[in-house]
Protein backbone atom coordinates (compact mmCIF):
# COMPACT_ATOMS: atom_id res chain seq x y z
CA UNK A 1 68.57 11.79 0.07
CA UNK A 2 65.47 13.28 1.64
CA UNK A 3 62.70 14.48 -0.63
CA UNK A 4 60.61 17.36 0.62
CA UNK A 5 57.20 17.53 -1.01
CA UNK A 6 54.43 19.88 -0.01
CA UNK A 7 50.85 20.46 -0.97
CA UNK A 8 51.07 23.90 -2.47
CA UNK A 9 48.21 26.09 -3.63
CA UNK A 10 48.55 27.22 -7.21
CA UNK A 11 49.35 30.95 -7.52
CA UNK A 12 46.99 33.16 -9.43
CA UNK A 13 47.92 35.73 -12.03
CA UNK A 14 48.37 39.29 -10.91
CA UNK A 15 45.28 41.39 -11.68
CA UNK A 16 45.24 44.15 -14.20
CA UNK A 17 47.88 42.73 -16.54
CA UNK A 18 47.52 43.91 -20.15
CA UNK A 19 46.59 41.12 -22.55
CA UNK A 20 48.37 41.38 -25.87
CA UNK A 21 47.94 38.77 -28.58
CA UNK A 22 51.20 38.04 -30.36
CA UNK A 23 51.95 35.69 -33.21
CA UNK A 24 53.17 32.23 -32.31
CA UNK A 25 51.13 31.94 -29.10
CA UNK A 26 53.77 33.22 -26.62
CA UNK A 27 53.42 36.47 -24.68
CA UNK A 28 54.32 38.10 -21.39
CA UNK A 29 51.40 39.96 -19.77
CA UNK A 30 52.90 41.26 -16.51
CA UNK A 31 53.12 44.90 -15.39
CA UNK A 32 56.56 46.31 -14.55
CA UNK A 33 55.18 48.24 -11.58
CA UNK A 34 53.92 45.02 -9.98
CA UNK A 35 57.37 43.48 -10.33
CA UNK A 36 59.02 46.57 -8.86
CA UNK A 37 56.54 46.43 -5.99
CA UNK A 38 57.61 42.89 -5.17
CA UNK A 39 61.30 43.79 -5.28
CA UNK A 40 61.09 47.06 -3.34
CA UNK A 41 58.89 45.60 -0.58
CA UNK A 42 61.47 42.87 -0.09
CA UNK A 43 64.48 45.18 0.34
CA UNK A 44 63.84 46.24 4.00
CA UNK A 45 62.96 42.63 4.86
CA UNK A 46 66.23 41.49 3.29
CA UNK A 47 68.04 44.00 5.48
CA UNK A 48 66.44 43.10 8.82
CA UNK A 49 66.72 39.34 8.16
CA UNK A 50 70.35 39.63 6.97
CA UNK A 51 69.46 38.15 3.61
CA UNK A 52 67.32 35.23 4.75
CA UNK A 53 64.25 36.78 3.12
CA UNK A 54 65.83 36.13 -0.29
CA UNK A 55 64.12 32.73 -0.38
CA UNK A 56 60.72 34.45 -0.19
CA UNK A 57 61.78 37.09 -2.71
CA UNK A 58 62.96 34.44 -5.17
CA UNK A 59 59.67 32.56 -4.80
CA UNK A 60 57.57 35.71 -5.30
CA UNK A 61 59.56 36.72 -8.40
CA UNK A 62 59.27 33.27 -9.93
CA UNK A 63 55.54 33.19 -9.30
CA UNK A 64 55.16 36.59 -10.96
CA UNK A 65 57.23 35.71 -14.02
CA UNK A 66 55.77 32.23 -14.47
CA UNK A 67 52.13 33.28 -13.93
CA UNK A 68 52.41 36.13 -16.43
CA UNK A 69 53.96 34.00 -19.17
CA UNK A 70 51.37 32.67 -21.60
CA UNK A 71 51.64 29.99 -24.26
CA UNK A 72 48.63 29.22 -26.43
CA UNK A 73 46.50 31.46 -24.20
CA UNK A 74 47.28 29.72 -20.88
CA UNK A 75 49.67 30.72 -18.10
CA UNK A 76 52.48 28.83 -16.45
CA UNK A 77 52.47 28.32 -12.69
CA UNK A 78 55.35 28.12 -10.23
CA UNK A 79 54.40 25.90 -7.29
CA UNK A 80 57.61 25.98 -5.25
CA UNK A 81 57.71 27.55 -1.80
CA UNK A 82 60.17 29.67 0.13
CA UNK A 83 60.16 27.05 2.90
CA UNK A 84 61.51 24.48 0.43
CA UNK A 85 64.31 26.81 -0.65
CA UNK A 86 65.25 27.53 2.96
CA UNK A 87 65.29 23.85 3.95
CA UNK A 88 67.28 22.94 0.85
CA UNK A 89 69.84 25.61 1.75
CA UNK A 90 70.11 24.34 5.33
CA UNK A 91 70.63 20.76 4.09
CA UNK A 92 73.35 22.01 1.75
CA UNK A 93 75.10 23.90 4.56
CA UNK A 94 74.99 20.73 6.70
CA UNK A 95 76.88 18.94 3.90
CA UNK A 96 79.33 21.71 3.08
CA UNK A 97 80.39 22.80 6.58
CA UNK A 98 82.12 19.46 7.46
CA UNK A 99 83.94 19.60 4.11
CA UNK A 100 85.11 23.17 4.70
CA UNK A 101 86.23 22.31 8.25
CA UNK A 102 88.12 19.22 7.09
CA UNK A 103 89.99 21.06 4.34
CA UNK A 104 90.73 24.02 6.61
CA UNK A 105 92.11 21.72 9.33
CA UNK A 106 94.25 19.88 6.76
CA UNK A 107 95.69 23.15 5.46
CA UNK A 108 96.74 24.18 9.01
CA UNK A 109 98.16 20.81 10.08
CA UNK A 110 101.91 21.16 10.86
CA UNK A 111 104.45 19.32 8.75
CA UNK A 112 102.24 18.72 5.72
CA UNK A 113 104.04 21.18 3.45
CA UNK A 114 103.30 20.35 -0.21
CA UNK A 115 100.52 18.00 0.90
CA UNK A 116 98.57 20.98 2.26
CA UNK A 117 98.84 22.72 -1.10
CA UNK A 118 97.69 19.53 -2.80
CA UNK A 119 94.71 19.37 -0.44
CA UNK A 120 93.82 22.96 -1.38
CA UNK A 121 93.77 21.99 -5.05
CA UNK A 122 91.64 18.93 -4.26
CA UNK A 123 89.22 21.11 -2.30
CA UNK A 124 88.87 23.52 -5.20
CA UNK A 125 88.24 20.69 -7.68
CA UNK A 126 85.72 19.04 -5.36
CA UNK A 127 83.79 22.28 -4.91
CA UNK A 128 83.81 22.80 -8.67
CA UNK A 129 82.35 19.32 -9.26
CA UNK A 130 79.80 19.90 -6.50
CA UNK A 131 78.86 23.15 -8.22
CA UNK A 132 78.12 21.31 -11.47
CA UNK A 133 76.10 18.72 -9.53
CA UNK A 134 74.16 21.56 -7.90
CA UNK A 135 73.41 23.21 -11.25
CA UNK A 136 71.88 19.99 -12.59
CA UNK A 137 69.87 19.23 -9.47
CA UNK A 138 68.67 22.84 -9.10
CA UNK A 139 67.38 22.68 -12.67
CA UNK A 140 65.47 19.52 -11.76
CA UNK A 141 63.89 21.27 -8.79
CA UNK A 142 62.77 24.29 -10.83
CA UNK A 143 61.37 22.10 -13.60
CA UNK A 144 59.30 19.98 -11.21
CA UNK A 145 57.87 23.19 -9.69
CA UNK A 146 56.84 24.49 -13.11
CA UNK A 147 53.28 23.56 -14.11
CA UNK A 148 51.39 24.24 -17.32
CA UNK A 149 47.79 23.10 -17.86
CA UNK A 150 48.07 21.03 -14.70
CA UNK A 151 51.10 19.12 -16.04
CA UNK A 152 54.53 19.49 -14.48
CA UNK A 153 57.93 19.40 -16.14
CA UNK A 154 60.41 16.75 -14.96
CA UNK A 155 64.07 15.86 -15.34
CA UNK A 156 65.73 12.47 -14.98
CA UNK A 157 69.40 11.48 -14.84
CA UNK A 158 72.28 11.48 -12.37
CA UNK A 159 73.62 14.73 -11.02
CA UNK A 160 77.05 13.19 -10.45
CA UNK A 161 77.24 11.91 -14.04
CA UNK A 162 76.38 15.38 -15.29
CA UNK A 163 78.98 16.93 -12.96
CA UNK A 164 81.74 14.73 -14.40
CA UNK A 165 80.58 15.34 -17.97
CA UNK A 166 80.36 19.11 -17.47
CA UNK A 167 83.74 19.27 -15.69
CA UNK A 168 85.51 17.55 -18.59
CA UNK A 169 83.89 19.86 -21.13
CA UNK A 170 84.74 22.97 -19.10
CA UNK A 171 88.34 21.79 -18.77
CA UNK A 172 88.52 21.53 -22.55
CA UNK A 173 87.02 25.01 -22.90
CA UNK A 174 89.62 26.36 -20.46
CA UNK A 175 92.67 24.87 -22.20
CA UNK A 176 91.43 26.14 -25.59
CA UNK A 177 91.01 29.70 -24.23
CA UNK A 178 87.26 29.48 -24.72
CA UNK A 179 87.22 28.22 -28.32
CA UNK A 180 85.61 24.93 -27.24
CA UNK A 181 82.97 26.66 -25.12
CA UNK A 182 80.23 26.71 -27.82
CA UNK A 183 80.67 22.98 -28.34
CA UNK A 184 80.71 22.37 -24.58
CA UNK A 185 77.51 24.40 -24.15
CA UNK A 186 75.78 22.51 -26.97
CA UNK A 187 76.81 19.13 -25.53
CA UNK A 188 75.61 20.04 -22.04
CA UNK A 189 72.28 21.35 -23.33
CA UNK A 190 71.75 18.13 -25.30
CA UNK A 191 72.54 16.14 -22.15
CA UNK A 192 70.00 18.08 -20.08
CA UNK A 193 67.22 18.26 -22.67
CA UNK A 194 67.39 14.51 -23.41
CA UNK A 195 66.45 14.03 -19.76
CA UNK A 196 63.76 16.72 -19.70
CA UNK A 197 60.04 15.99 -20.10
CA UNK A 198 56.80 17.93 -20.12
CA UNK A 199 54.47 15.25 -18.81
CA UNK A 200 55.07 12.35 -21.20
CA UNK A 201 56.42 14.64 -23.93
CA UNK A 202 60.21 14.24 -24.26
CA UNK A 203 62.51 17.17 -24.80
CA UNK A 204 65.61 17.47 -26.93
CA UNK A 205 68.07 20.15 -28.02
CA UNK A 206 68.91 20.71 -31.67
CA UNK A 207 71.31 23.63 -31.38
CA UNK A 208 74.81 22.82 -32.61
CA UNK A 209 78.16 23.91 -31.28
CA UNK A 210 79.20 25.00 -34.76
CA UNK A 211 76.04 27.07 -35.06
CA UNK A 212 77.07 29.01 -31.95
CA UNK A 213 80.80 29.02 -32.72
CA UNK A 214 80.43 30.94 -35.98
CA UNK A 215 78.66 34.04 -34.57
CA UNK A 216 80.80 34.27 -31.42
CA UNK A 217 84.15 33.72 -33.16
CA UNK A 218 84.36 37.37 -34.12
CA UNK A 219 83.76 38.44 -30.51
CA UNK A 220 86.43 36.02 -29.30
CA UNK A 221 88.95 37.41 -31.79
CA UNK A 222 88.22 40.99 -30.75
CA UNK A 223 88.76 40.15 -27.09
CA UNK A 224 91.89 38.01 -27.33
CA UNK A 225 93.51 39.82 -30.28
CA UNK A 226 95.09 42.74 -28.33
CA UNK A 227 97.14 40.68 -25.82
CA UNK A 228 97.93 37.98 -28.39
CA UNK A 229 99.26 40.60 -30.83
CA UNK A 230 101.51 42.12 -28.17
CA UNK A 231 102.75 38.68 -27.12
CA UNK A 232 103.44 37.71 -30.74
CA UNK A 233 105.53 40.84 -31.31
CA UNK A 234 107.35 40.29 -28.03
CA UNK A 235 108.15 36.67 -28.90
CA UNK A 236 109.48 37.76 -32.28
CA UNK A 237 111.89 40.19 -30.57
CA UNK A 238 113.43 37.53 -28.32
CA UNK A 239 116.97 36.42 -29.22
CA UNK A 240 116.43 32.66 -28.97
CA UNK A 241 120.09 32.03 -29.84
CA UNK A 242 121.05 32.97 -26.28
CA UNK A 243 118.68 30.43 -24.70
CA UNK A 244 121.42 27.78 -24.48
CA UNK A 245 123.78 30.23 -22.76
CA UNK A 246 121.05 31.10 -20.27
CA UNK A 247 120.43 27.45 -19.37
CA UNK A 248 124.16 26.83 -18.95
CA UNK A 249 124.54 29.92 -16.73
CA UNK A 250 121.70 28.75 -14.50
CA UNK A 251 123.22 25.26 -14.16
CA UNK A 252 126.75 26.48 -13.39
CA UNK A 253 125.98 29.48 -11.22
CA UNK A 254 123.42 28.29 -8.68
CA UNK A 255 124.48 30.70 -5.91
CA UNK A 256 124.81 33.88 -7.94
CA UNK A 257 122.29 34.36 -10.72
CA UNK A 258 123.53 37.78 -11.80
CA UNK A 259 124.99 36.38 -15.03
CA UNK A 260 121.75 34.53 -15.78
CA UNK A 261 119.78 37.71 -15.16
CA UNK A 262 122.02 39.67 -17.50
CA UNK A 263 121.62 37.03 -20.22
CA UNK A 264 117.85 37.06 -19.75
CA UNK A 265 117.76 40.84 -20.24
CA UNK A 266 119.98 40.57 -23.29
CA UNK A 267 117.62 37.98 -24.77
CA UNK A 268 114.73 40.41 -24.48
CA UNK A 269 116.10 43.95 -24.70
CA UNK A 270 112.65 45.56 -25.15
CA UNK A 271 111.07 44.10 -22.01
CA UNK A 272 110.62 47.56 -20.49
CA UNK A 273 108.55 48.60 -23.50
CA UNK A 274 106.40 45.49 -23.88
CA UNK A 275 105.48 45.28 -20.20
CA UNK A 276 103.26 48.39 -20.25
CA UNK A 277 102.00 47.46 -23.72
CA UNK A 278 100.92 44.03 -22.50
CA UNK A 279 99.18 45.53 -19.45
CA UNK A 280 97.36 48.01 -21.70
CA UNK A 281 96.28 45.22 -24.06
CA UNK A 282 94.81 43.21 -21.18
CA UNK A 283 92.96 46.29 -19.96
CA UNK A 284 91.59 46.79 -23.48
CA UNK A 285 90.43 43.16 -23.53
CA UNK A 286 88.63 43.54 -20.20
CA UNK A 287 86.93 46.68 -21.48
CA UNK A 288 85.85 44.83 -24.61
CA UNK A 289 84.42 42.04 -22.44
CA UNK A 290 82.17 44.58 -20.71
CA UNK A 291 81.15 46.22 -23.97
CA UNK A 292 80.50 42.98 -25.87
CA UNK A 293 78.91 40.90 -23.10
CA UNK A 294 75.34 42.00 -23.99
CA UNK A 295 75.98 40.98 -27.60
CA UNK A 296 77.22 37.57 -26.47
CA UNK A 297 74.25 37.19 -24.13
CA UNK A 298 71.82 37.92 -26.96
CA UNK A 299 73.52 35.49 -29.35
CA UNK A 300 73.61 32.66 -26.80
CA UNK A 301 70.04 33.24 -25.62
CA UNK A 302 68.67 33.34 -29.18
CA UNK A 303 70.65 30.20 -30.10
CA UNK A 304 69.51 28.34 -26.98
CA UNK A 305 65.81 29.17 -27.28
CA UNK A 306 65.79 28.25 -30.98
CA UNK A 307 67.31 24.86 -30.17
CA UNK A 308 64.72 23.72 -27.61
CA UNK A 309 62.21 21.06 -28.73
CA UNK A 310 59.42 19.14 -27.02
CA UNK A 311 58.14 16.42 -29.29
CA UNK A 312 57.37 18.22 -32.55
CA UNK A 313 56.93 21.60 -30.83
CA UNK A 314 59.55 23.94 -32.27
CA UNK A 315 60.78 27.15 -30.66
CA UNK A 316 62.14 30.01 -32.75
CA UNK A 317 63.62 33.11 -31.11
CA UNK A 318 63.51 36.50 -32.83
CA UNK A 319 65.34 38.22 -29.98
CA UNK A 320 67.07 41.39 -31.18
CA UNK A 321 70.63 42.10 -30.06
CA UNK A 322 69.90 45.83 -29.85
CA UNK A 323 67.11 45.24 -27.32
CA UNK A 324 69.40 43.19 -25.09
CA UNK A 325 72.17 45.76 -25.41
CA UNK A 326 69.76 48.53 -24.49
CA UNK A 327 68.71 46.59 -21.40
CA UNK A 328 72.27 46.27 -20.14
CA UNK A 329 73.09 49.87 -21.06
CA UNK A 330 70.11 51.05 -19.00
CA UNK A 331 71.20 48.88 -16.09
CA UNK A 332 74.81 50.07 -16.11
CA UNK A 333 73.75 53.70 -16.41
CA UNK A 334 71.27 53.56 -13.53
CA UNK A 335 73.55 51.34 -11.44
CA UNK A 336 76.38 53.82 -11.91
CA UNK A 337 74.15 56.63 -10.70
CA UNK A 338 73.02 54.63 -7.66
CA UNK A 339 76.62 53.67 -6.87
CA UNK A 340 77.83 57.26 -7.10
CA UNK A 341 75.06 58.47 -4.80
CA UNK A 342 75.71 55.69 -2.30
CA UNK A 343 79.47 56.06 -2.28
CA UNK A 344 79.11 59.84 -2.10
CA UNK A 345 76.91 59.50 0.98
CA UNK A 346 79.42 57.16 2.62
CA UNK A 347 82.30 59.56 1.85
CA UNK A 348 80.36 62.56 3.17
CA UNK A 349 79.52 60.80 6.43
CA UNK A 350 83.10 59.62 6.94
CA UNK A 351 84.46 63.10 6.18
CA UNK A 352 81.91 64.80 8.41
CA UNK A 353 82.62 62.34 11.20
CA UNK A 354 86.36 62.82 10.90
CA UNK A 355 86.38 66.63 10.76
CA UNK A 356 83.11 67.71 12.30
CA UNK A 357 82.86 65.72 15.55
CA UNK A 358 84.92 64.96 18.61
CA UNK A 359 84.18 61.24 18.55
CA UNK A 360 86.64 60.16 15.87
CA UNK A 361 89.37 59.25 18.35
CA UNK A 362 87.18 57.27 20.74
CA UNK A 363 86.41 53.59 20.46
CA UNK A 364 82.66 54.16 20.66
CA UNK A 365 82.87 56.79 17.93
CA UNK A 366 84.77 54.47 15.62
CA UNK A 367 82.28 51.70 16.29
CA UNK A 368 79.41 54.08 15.47
CA UNK A 369 81.10 55.14 12.25
CA UNK A 370 81.74 51.51 11.28
CA UNK A 371 78.11 50.66 11.92
CA UNK A 372 76.80 53.58 9.85
CA UNK A 373 79.16 52.85 6.96
CA UNK A 374 78.27 49.15 7.09
CA UNK A 375 74.54 49.95 6.99
CA UNK A 376 74.97 52.32 4.06
CA UNK A 377 77.03 49.71 2.21
CA UNK A 378 74.31 47.09 2.71
CA UNK A 379 71.69 49.57 1.48
CA UNK A 380 73.84 50.27 -1.58
CA UNK A 381 74.20 46.56 -2.38
CA UNK A 382 70.46 46.01 -1.93
CA UNK A 383 69.75 48.97 -4.18
CA UNK A 384 72.00 47.63 -6.93
CA UNK A 385 70.40 44.20 -6.59
CA UNK A 386 66.93 45.77 -6.94
CA UNK A 387 68.02 47.70 -10.03
CA UNK A 388 69.41 44.52 -11.60
CA UNK A 389 66.22 42.56 -10.94
CA UNK A 390 63.94 45.33 -12.12
CA UNK A 391 65.84 46.09 -15.31
CA UNK A 392 67.88 43.11 -16.47
CA UNK A 393 65.94 40.19 -15.03
CA UNK A 394 62.47 41.43 -15.89
CA UNK A 395 63.31 42.95 -19.29
CA UNK A 396 65.26 39.92 -20.53
CA UNK A 397 62.41 37.63 -19.49
CA UNK A 398 59.88 39.85 -21.27
CA UNK A 399 62.05 40.17 -24.38
CA UNK A 400 62.69 36.42 -24.51
CA UNK A 401 58.99 35.56 -24.25
CA UNK A 402 57.65 38.27 -26.55
CA UNK A 403 60.21 37.39 -29.26
CA UNK A 404 59.36 33.68 -29.07
CA UNK A 405 57.56 31.89 -31.89
CA UNK A 406 56.19 28.39 -31.28
CA UNK A 407 55.17 25.91 -33.95
CA UNK A 408 52.89 22.88 -33.57
CA UNK A 409 51.50 23.94 -30.18
CA UNK A 410 48.45 21.72 -30.80
CA UNK A 411 50.65 18.89 -29.53
CA UNK A 412 50.11 20.29 -26.01
CA UNK A 413 46.48 19.09 -26.16
CA UNK A 414 47.61 15.46 -26.03
CA UNK A 415 50.19 15.57 -23.20
CA UNK A 416 49.63 13.17 -20.29
CA UNK A 417 50.79 14.20 -16.79
CA UNK A 418 53.55 12.20 -15.14
CA UNK A 419 56.46 12.71 -12.75
CA UNK A 420 56.75 13.95 -9.18
CA UNK A 421 58.29 16.87 -7.31
CA UNK A 422 61.99 16.53 -6.50
CA UNK A 423 64.09 17.50 -3.50
CA UNK A 424 65.18 21.14 -3.11
CA UNK A 425 68.65 20.01 -1.99
CA UNK A 426 70.22 20.84 -5.35
CA UNK A 427 68.71 24.32 -5.34
CA UNK A 428 70.02 24.88 -1.82
CA UNK A 429 73.47 23.61 -2.76
CA UNK A 430 73.57 25.90 -5.78
CA UNK A 431 72.64 28.84 -3.54
CA UNK A 432 75.27 27.92 -0.95
CA UNK A 433 77.97 27.60 -3.64
CA UNK A 434 76.73 30.72 -5.45
CA UNK A 435 76.33 28.88 -8.77
CA UNK A 436 72.54 28.94 -8.96
CA UNK A 437 70.67 30.29 -11.93
CA UNK A 438 67.18 31.71 -11.73
């Protein structure tokens, strides 16, 4: 696999940042207006380049966040480049396109029948495994572009081994309806941190699955309780004594299943009542997911930060759930306002075009309308993306850093630099598969 390394000038901190001294030696010193300036300047460039400028935007945001994060009075530096991200993405596309073409051709081949469906399942599983591989390799790229006191972070290990390990854990989490997820997350973090180094200082993860399971169990029960309660009542109302008659009717009456249908209805006489109740319970669960997600995010983030170790350096997070919830509440409120304005503008233009012009019936008029609506939709999506970056991304970073306490930071004085920059292929693959983190 090709490794792309570049000689990259170190970014400097943004001027005018307020310097606040916090306990524990960790602080974020960046100005919100500088971050918003980066994001808003990028929006028109994102539009005219059809999204290609996102590699430059990502690089600028990372440089801002890294360079304004201080530990023991010194800033981090992000030394990756947009060119690396773009090349990594192009390499990933060169790998993925033949796979997509092969699976698409197999699904259209005549006479395959069930084999085509099997190939679709194989394609989905392969892309899932590739996504896990990409997550691991993208993390390696970001670590090797993160520098502190002239020393870079590194990550060793096989991306394919991690992909298999992560896939098995996620399968277990799926079949247990999420109950195994805390243990899966703890196992995967231990796997990654055992292979993470700051110079010659080894990392490790001391968070436990049980330590995460206990605080999230209540959230899990709140979310799954409504549909499970309805299903339990429904199962209790079924007349299981008629199950044998139903099986016999199906076996003897293959051409006309009216008798089997009648028996099925007699087994469950309240089906017409429980159907709407079950739908309502699932809707309630989805609403609870939206309402409780910020709480879950705060719990997981606090647990993860407090579990990270480098040598004898200990991290302790004092992140408050209310602060995280307020961040997401602000985002959803502002995003809702932006969405209503954008959708209102689209509706007004469509209505005005339909009733106030003579072009609605012509092909050129419809093309013009489609172009205007498409442009407004892109502007709306860009606006929502900017709001998310400016509120959620920046605030969560600031909250995470400012609530961080570090012990034994004097160990940093004895770290020896080692390791080299890694290929951006994993980062590009994660972007192409839409599984990349920040």
